[in-house]
C-alpha atoms as a PDB file:
ATOM      1  CA  MET A   1      11.556  39.210 -39.268  1.00  0.00           C
ATOM      2  CA  ALA A   2      11.969  35.588 -39.999  1.00  0.00           C
ATOM      3  CA  GLU A   3       9.661  33.300 -38.105  1.00  0.00           C
ATOM      4  CA  GLN A   4      11.392  30.568 -36.191  1.00  0.00           C
ATOM      5  CA  GLU A   5       9.787  27.247 -35.591  1.00  0.00           C
ATOM      6  CA  ALA A   6       9.897  26.101 -32.075  1.00  0.00           C
ATOM      7  CA  THR A   7      10.567  22.383 -31.889  1.00  0.00           C
ATOM      8  CA  MET A   8      10.382  20.521 -28.662  1.00  0.00           C
ATOM      9  CA  GLU A   9      11.655  17.068 -28.394  1.00  0.00           C
ATOM     10  CA  ALA A  10      10.185  14.829 -25.810  1.00  0.00           C
ATOM     11  CA  PRO A  11      12.745  13.900 -23.204  1.00  0.00           C
ATOM     12  CA  GLU A  12      13.891  10.288 -23.256  1.00  0.00           C
ATOM     13  CA  ALA A  13      12.164   8.221 -20.657  1.00  0.00           C
ATOM     14  CA  PRO A  14      14.560   7.244 -17.957  1.00  0.00           C
ATOM     15  CA  GLU A  15      15.375   3.613 -17.664  1.00  0.00           C
ATOM     16  CA  THR A  16      13.550   2.291 -14.706  1.00  0.00           C
ATOM     17  CA  ASN A  17      14.149  -0.854 -12.879  1.00  0.00           C
ATOM     18  CA  ASN A  18      10.928  -2.365 -11.444  1.00  0.00           C
ATOM     19  CA  LEU A  19      12.644  -2.625  -8.105  1.00  0.00           C
ATOM     20  CA  ASP A  20      13.057   1.173  -7.997  1.00  0.00           C
ATOM     21  CA  SER A  21       9.513   2.097  -8.799  1.00  0.00           C
ATOM     22  CA  ASP A  22       6.535   2.077  -6.430  1.00  0.00           C
ATOM     23  CA  ILE A  23       4.330  -1.025  -6.384  1.00  0.00           C
ATOM     24  CA  TYR A  24       0.654  -0.204  -6.201  1.00  0.00           C
ATOM     25  CA  SER A  25      -1.137  -3.428  -7.117  1.00  0.00           C
ATOM     26  CA  THR A  26      -1.003  -7.167  -7.164  1.00  0.00           C
ATOM     27  CA  ARG A  27      -0.580  -7.025 -10.982  1.00  0.00           C
ATOM     28  CA  GLN A  28       2.691  -5.146 -10.488  1.00  0.00           C
ATOM     29  CA  LEU A  29       3.930  -7.636  -7.946  1.00  0.00           C
ATOM     30  CA  VAL A  30       3.081 -10.553 -10.284  1.00  0.00           C
ATOM     31  CA  THR A  31       4.937  -8.863 -13.110  1.00  0.00           C
ATOM     32  CA  LEU A  32       7.908  -8.276 -10.886  1.00  0.00           C
ATOM     33  CA  MET A  33       7.907 -11.887  -9.684  1.00  0.00           C
ATOM     34  CA  SER A  34       7.587 -13.193 -13.251  1.00  0.00           C
ATOM     35  CA  GLU A  35      10.639 -11.155 -14.230  1.00  0.00           C
ATOM     36  CA  LYS A  36      12.520 -12.923 -11.448  1.00  0.00           C
ATOM     37  CA  GLY A  37      11.556 -16.306 -12.940  1.00  0.00           C
ATOM     38  CA  TYR A  38       8.455 -17.271 -10.916  1.00  0.00           C
ATOM     39  CA  ASP A  39       5.278 -18.576 -12.612  1.00  0.00           C
ATOM     40  CA  LYS A  40       2.666 -15.769 -13.043  1.00  0.00           C
ATOM     41  CA  LYS A  41      -0.357 -17.803 -11.987  1.00  0.00           C
ATOM     42  CA  ALA A  42       1.320 -19.203  -8.961  1.00  0.00           C
ATOM     43  CA  SER A  43       2.688 -15.795  -7.980  1.00  0.00           C
ATOM     44  CA  LYS A  44      -0.731 -14.188  -8.257  1.00  0.00           C
ATOM     45  CA  GLU A  45      -2.308 -16.943  -6.125  1.00  0.00           C
ATOM     46  CA  ALA A  46       0.480 -16.704  -3.531  1.00  0.00           C
ATOM     47  CA  ILE A  47       0.141 -12.910  -3.231  1.00  0.00           C
ATOM     48  CA  GLN A  48      -3.680 -13.082  -2.954  1.00  0.00           C
ATOM     49  CA  ASP A  49      -3.359 -15.899  -0.319  1.00  0.00           C
ATOM     50  CA  ILE A  50      -0.916 -13.768   1.738  1.00  0.00           C
ATOM     51  CA  ILE A  51      -3.139 -10.682   1.570  1.00  0.00           C
ATOM     52  CA  SER A  52      -6.215 -12.827   2.475  1.00  0.00           C
ATOM     53  CA  CYS A  53      -4.445 -14.365   5.541  1.00  0.00           C
ATOM     54  CA  VAL A  54      -3.251 -10.941   6.724  1.00  0.00           C
ATOM     55  CA  LYS A  55      -6.744  -9.446   6.320  1.00  0.00           C
ATOM     56  CA  ASP A  56      -8.434 -12.408   8.100  1.00  0.00           C
ATOM     57  CA  SER A  57      -5.919 -12.309  11.001  1.00  0.00           C
ATOM     58  CA  LEU A  58      -6.419  -8.560  11.406  1.00  0.00           C
ATOM     59  CA  LEU A  59     -10.211  -8.973  11.463  1.00  0.00           C
ATOM     60  CA  LYS A  60      -9.745 -11.472  14.295  1.00  0.00           C
ATOM     61  CA  GLY A  61      -7.620  -8.953  16.211  1.00  0.00           C
ATOM     62  CA  LYS A  62      -4.346 -10.709  15.810  1.00  0.00           C
ATOM     63  CA  THR A  63      -0.967  -9.101  15.135  1.00  0.00           C
ATOM     64  CA  ILE A  64       1.077 -10.030  12.143  1.00  0.00           C
ATOM     65  CA  LYS A  65       4.870  -9.581  12.179  1.00  0.00           C
ATOM     66  CA  PHE A  66       6.973  -9.819   9.083  1.00  0.00           C
ATOM     67  CA  ILE A  67      10.668 -10.046  10.019  1.00  0.00           C
ATOM     68  CA  ASN A  68      12.754  -7.237   8.495  1.00  0.00           C
ATOM     69  CA  PHE A  69       9.570  -5.559   7.167  1.00  0.00           C
ATOM     70  CA  GLY A  70       7.186  -4.517   9.938  1.00  0.00           C
ATOM     71  CA  THR A  71       4.166  -5.323  12.035  1.00  0.00           C
ATOM     72  CA  PHE A  72       0.522  -5.047  11.238  1.00  0.00           C
ATOM     73  CA  SER A  73      -1.940  -4.787  14.107  1.00  0.00           C
ATOM     74  CA  SER A  74      -5.554  -3.783  14.626  1.00  0.00           C
ATOM     75  CA  LYS A  75      -7.605  -2.436  17.411  1.00  0.00           C
ATOM     76  CA  ILE A  76     -11.193  -1.361  17.959  1.00  0.00           C
ATOM     77  CA  ALA A  77     -11.523   2.475  18.046  1.00  0.00           C
ATOM     78  CA  GLU A  78     -13.843   3.571  20.732  1.00  0.00           C
ATOM     79  CA  PRO A  79     -16.956   5.539  19.820  1.00  0.00           C
ATOM     80  CA  ARG A  80     -16.491   9.268  20.174  1.00  0.00           C
ATOM     81  CA  GLU A  81     -18.601  12.373  20.040  1.00  0.00           C
ATOM     82  CA  MET A  82     -18.488  14.512  16.907  1.00  0.00           C
ATOM     83  CA  ILE A  83     -20.294  17.577  15.751  1.00  0.00           C
ATOM     84  CA  ASN A  84     -22.035  17.702  12.408  1.00  0.00           C
ATOM     85  CA  PRO A  85     -20.708  20.861  10.755  1.00  0.00           C
ATOM     86  CA  LEU A  86     -23.978  21.522   8.840  1.00  0.00           C
ATOM     87  CA  ASN A  87     -26.407  21.632  11.680  1.00  0.00           C
ATOM     88  CA  LYS A  88     -24.105  21.632  14.713  1.00  0.00           C
ATOM     89  CA  GLU A  89     -25.817  18.432  16.002  1.00  0.00           C
ATOM     90  CA  LYS A  90     -23.758  16.186  18.285  1.00  0.00           C
ATOM     91  CA  ILE A  91     -23.502  12.625  17.082  1.00  0.00           C
ATOM     92  CA  MET A  92     -21.631   9.517  18.344  1.00  0.00           C
ATOM     93  CA  THR A  93     -19.486   7.519  15.991  1.00  0.00           C
ATOM     94  CA  LYS A  94     -19.736   3.785  15.855  1.00  0.00           C
ATOM     95  CA  PRO A  95     -16.876   1.630  17.119  1.00  0.00           C
ATOM     96  CA  ARG A  96     -14.661   0.592  14.272  1.00  0.00           C
ATOM     97  CA  ARG A  97     -11.452  -1.414  13.592  1.00  0.00           C
ATOM     98  CA  GLN A  98      -8.305   0.458  12.892  1.00  0.00           C
ATOM     99  CA  VAL A  99      -5.335  -1.123  11.207  1.00  0.00           C
ATOM    100  CA  ARG A 100      -1.858   0.020  12.102  1.00  0.00           C
ATOM    101  CA  PHE A 101       1.540  -0.621  10.524  1.00  0.00           C
ATOM    102  CA  LYS A 102       4.804  -0.157  12.223  1.00  0.00           C
ATOM    103  CA  ALA A 103       7.961  -0.460  10.083  1.00  0.00           C
ATOM    104  CA  SER A 104      10.793  -2.529  11.443  1.00  0.00           C
ATOM    105  CA  SER A 105      14.050  -0.848  12.255  1.00  0.00           C
ATOM    106  CA  SER A 106      15.714  -2.352   9.144  1.00  0.00           C
ATOM    107  CA  MET A 107      12.961  -0.909   6.901  1.00  0.00           C
ATOM    108  CA  LYS A 108      13.290   2.556   8.533  1.00  0.00           C
ATOM    109  CA  SER A 109      16.992   2.587   7.605  1.00  0.00           C
ATOM    110  CA  VAL A 110      16.242   1.887   3.832  1.00  0.00           C
ATOM    111  CA  ASP A 111      16.604   5.051   1.773  1.00  0.00           C
END
Protein backbone atom coordinates (compact mmCIF):
# COMPACT_ATOMS: atom_id res chain seq x y z
CA MET A 1 0.00 0.00 0.00
CA ALA A 2 1.28 3.38 -0.92
CA GLU A 3 1.02 5.94 1.84
CA GLN A 4 -0.74 9.10 0.86
CA GLU A 5 0.16 12.39 2.37
CA ALA A 6 -2.77 14.34 3.61
CA THR A 7 -2.36 17.97 2.83
CA MET A 8 -4.73 20.51 4.17
CA GLU A 9 -4.71 24.00 2.89
CA ALA A 10 -5.91 26.71 5.16
CA PRO A 11 -9.04 28.28 3.78
CA GLU A 12 -8.64 31.81 2.57
CA ALA A 13 -9.77 34.38 5.05
CA PRO A 14 -12.94 36.03 3.85
CA GLU A 15 -12.67 39.67 3.01
CA THR A 16 -14.34 41.58 5.78
CA ASN A 17 -15.48 45.11 5.79
CA ASN A 18 -15.10 46.77 9.19
CA LEU A 19 -18.71 47.86 8.96
CA ASP A 20 -19.81 44.21 8.79
CA SER A 21 -17.86 43.00 11.81
CA ASP A 22 -18.80 43.43 15.45
CA ILE A 23 -17.31 46.38 17.31
CA TYR A 24 -16.20 45.50 20.81
CA SER A 25 -13.91 48.32 21.89
CA THR A 26 -13.05 51.97 21.58
CA ARG A 27 -9.93 50.94 19.65
CA GLN A 28 -12.06 49.35 16.93
CA LEU A 29 -14.26 52.43 16.72
CA VAL A 30 -11.20 54.69 16.43
CA THR A 31 -9.78 52.48 13.67
CA LEU A 32 -13.09 52.56 11.83
CA MET A 33 -13.28 56.35 12.11
CA SER A 34 -9.69 56.78 10.92
CA GLU A 35 -10.51 54.67 7.86
CA LYS A 36 -13.34 57.10 7.17
CA GLY A 37 -10.90 60.01 7.25
CA TYR A 38 -11.23 61.25 10.81
CA ASP A 39 -8.21 62.04 12.99
CA LYS A 40 -7.40 59.11 15.32
CA LYS A 41 -6.66 61.18 18.42
CA ALA A 42 -9.74 63.37 18.02
CA SER A 43 -11.88 60.29 17.34
CA LYS A 44 -10.68 58.56 20.49
CA GLU A 45 -11.30 61.64 22.61
CA ALA A 46 -14.76 62.13 21.12
CA ILE A 47 -15.76 58.50 21.76
CA GLN A 48 -14.45 58.61 25.33
CA ASP A 49 -16.29 61.90 25.95
CA ILE A 50 -19.56 60.44 24.65
CA ILE A 51 -19.21 57.33 26.80
CA SER A 52 -18.34 59.46 29.83
CA CYS A 53 -21.38 61.71 29.30
CA VAL A 54 -23.70 58.72 28.92
CA LYS A 55 -22.26 57.10 32.05
CA ASP A 56 -22.54 60.29 34.13
CA SER A 57 -26.11 60.89 32.97
CA LEU A 58 -27.16 57.35 33.79
CA LEU A 59 -25.61 57.61 37.26
CA LYS A 60 -27.74 60.73 37.81
CA GLY A 61 -30.85 58.78 36.79
CA LYS A 62 -31.36 60.55 33.48
CA THR A 63 -32.52 58.95 30.22
CA ILE A 64 -30.40 59.27 27.09
CA LYS A 65 -32.10 58.99 23.72
CA PHE A 66 -30.11 58.57 20.50
CA ILE A 67 -32.34 59.19 17.48
CA ASN A 68 -32.48 56.14 15.15
CA PHE A 69 -30.42 54.10 17.63
CA GLY A 70 -32.13 53.64 20.96
CA THR A 71 -32.67 54.79 24.53
CA PHE A 72 -30.52 54.18 27.59
CA SER A 73 -32.19 54.49 30.97
CA SER A 74 -31.40 53.51 34.53
CA LYS A 75 -33.38 52.72 37.61
CA ILE A 76 -32.71 51.64 41.15
CA ALA A 77 -33.48 47.96 41.70
CA GLU A 78 -35.23 47.43 45.00
CA PRO A 79 -33.61 45.16 47.57
CA ARG A 80 -34.94 41.62 47.49
CA GLU A 81 -34.69 38.52 49.58
CA MET A 82 -32.43 35.75 48.33
CA ILE A 83 -31.38 32.38 49.70
CA ASN A 84 -27.72 31.46 50.01
CA PRO A 85 -27.49 28.02 48.31
CA LEU A 86 -24.65 26.86 50.56
CA ASN A 87 -26.26 27.32 53.94
CA LYS A 88 -29.90 28.14 53.01
CA GLU A 89 -29.62 31.43 54.91
CA LYS A 90 -31.97 34.19 53.80
CA ILE A 91 -30.21 37.42 52.89
CA MET A 92 -31.33 40.79 51.53
CA THR A 93 -29.61 42.25 48.48
CA LYS A 94 -28.58 45.89 48.42
CA PRO A 95 -30.38 48.36 46.18
CA ARG A 96 -28.44 48.79 42.94
CA ARG A 97 -28.65 50.74 39.72
CA GLN A 98 -29.72 48.83 36.63
CA VAL A 99 -29.03 50.13 33.13
CA ARG A 100 -31.52 49.36 30.39
CA PHE A 101 -31.31 49.78 26.63
CA LYS A 102 -34.27 49.80 24.27
CA ALA A 103 -33.47 49.74 20.56
CA SER A 104 -35.36 52.17 18.35
CA SER A 105 -37.77 50.80 15.77
CA SER A 106 -35.34 51.69 12.97
CA MET A 107 -32.58 49.64 14.69
CA LYS A 108 -34.92 46.69 15.18
CA SER A 109 -35.56 46.56 11.45
CA VAL A 110 -31.82 46.33 10.60
CA ASP A 111 -30.80 42.81 9.59
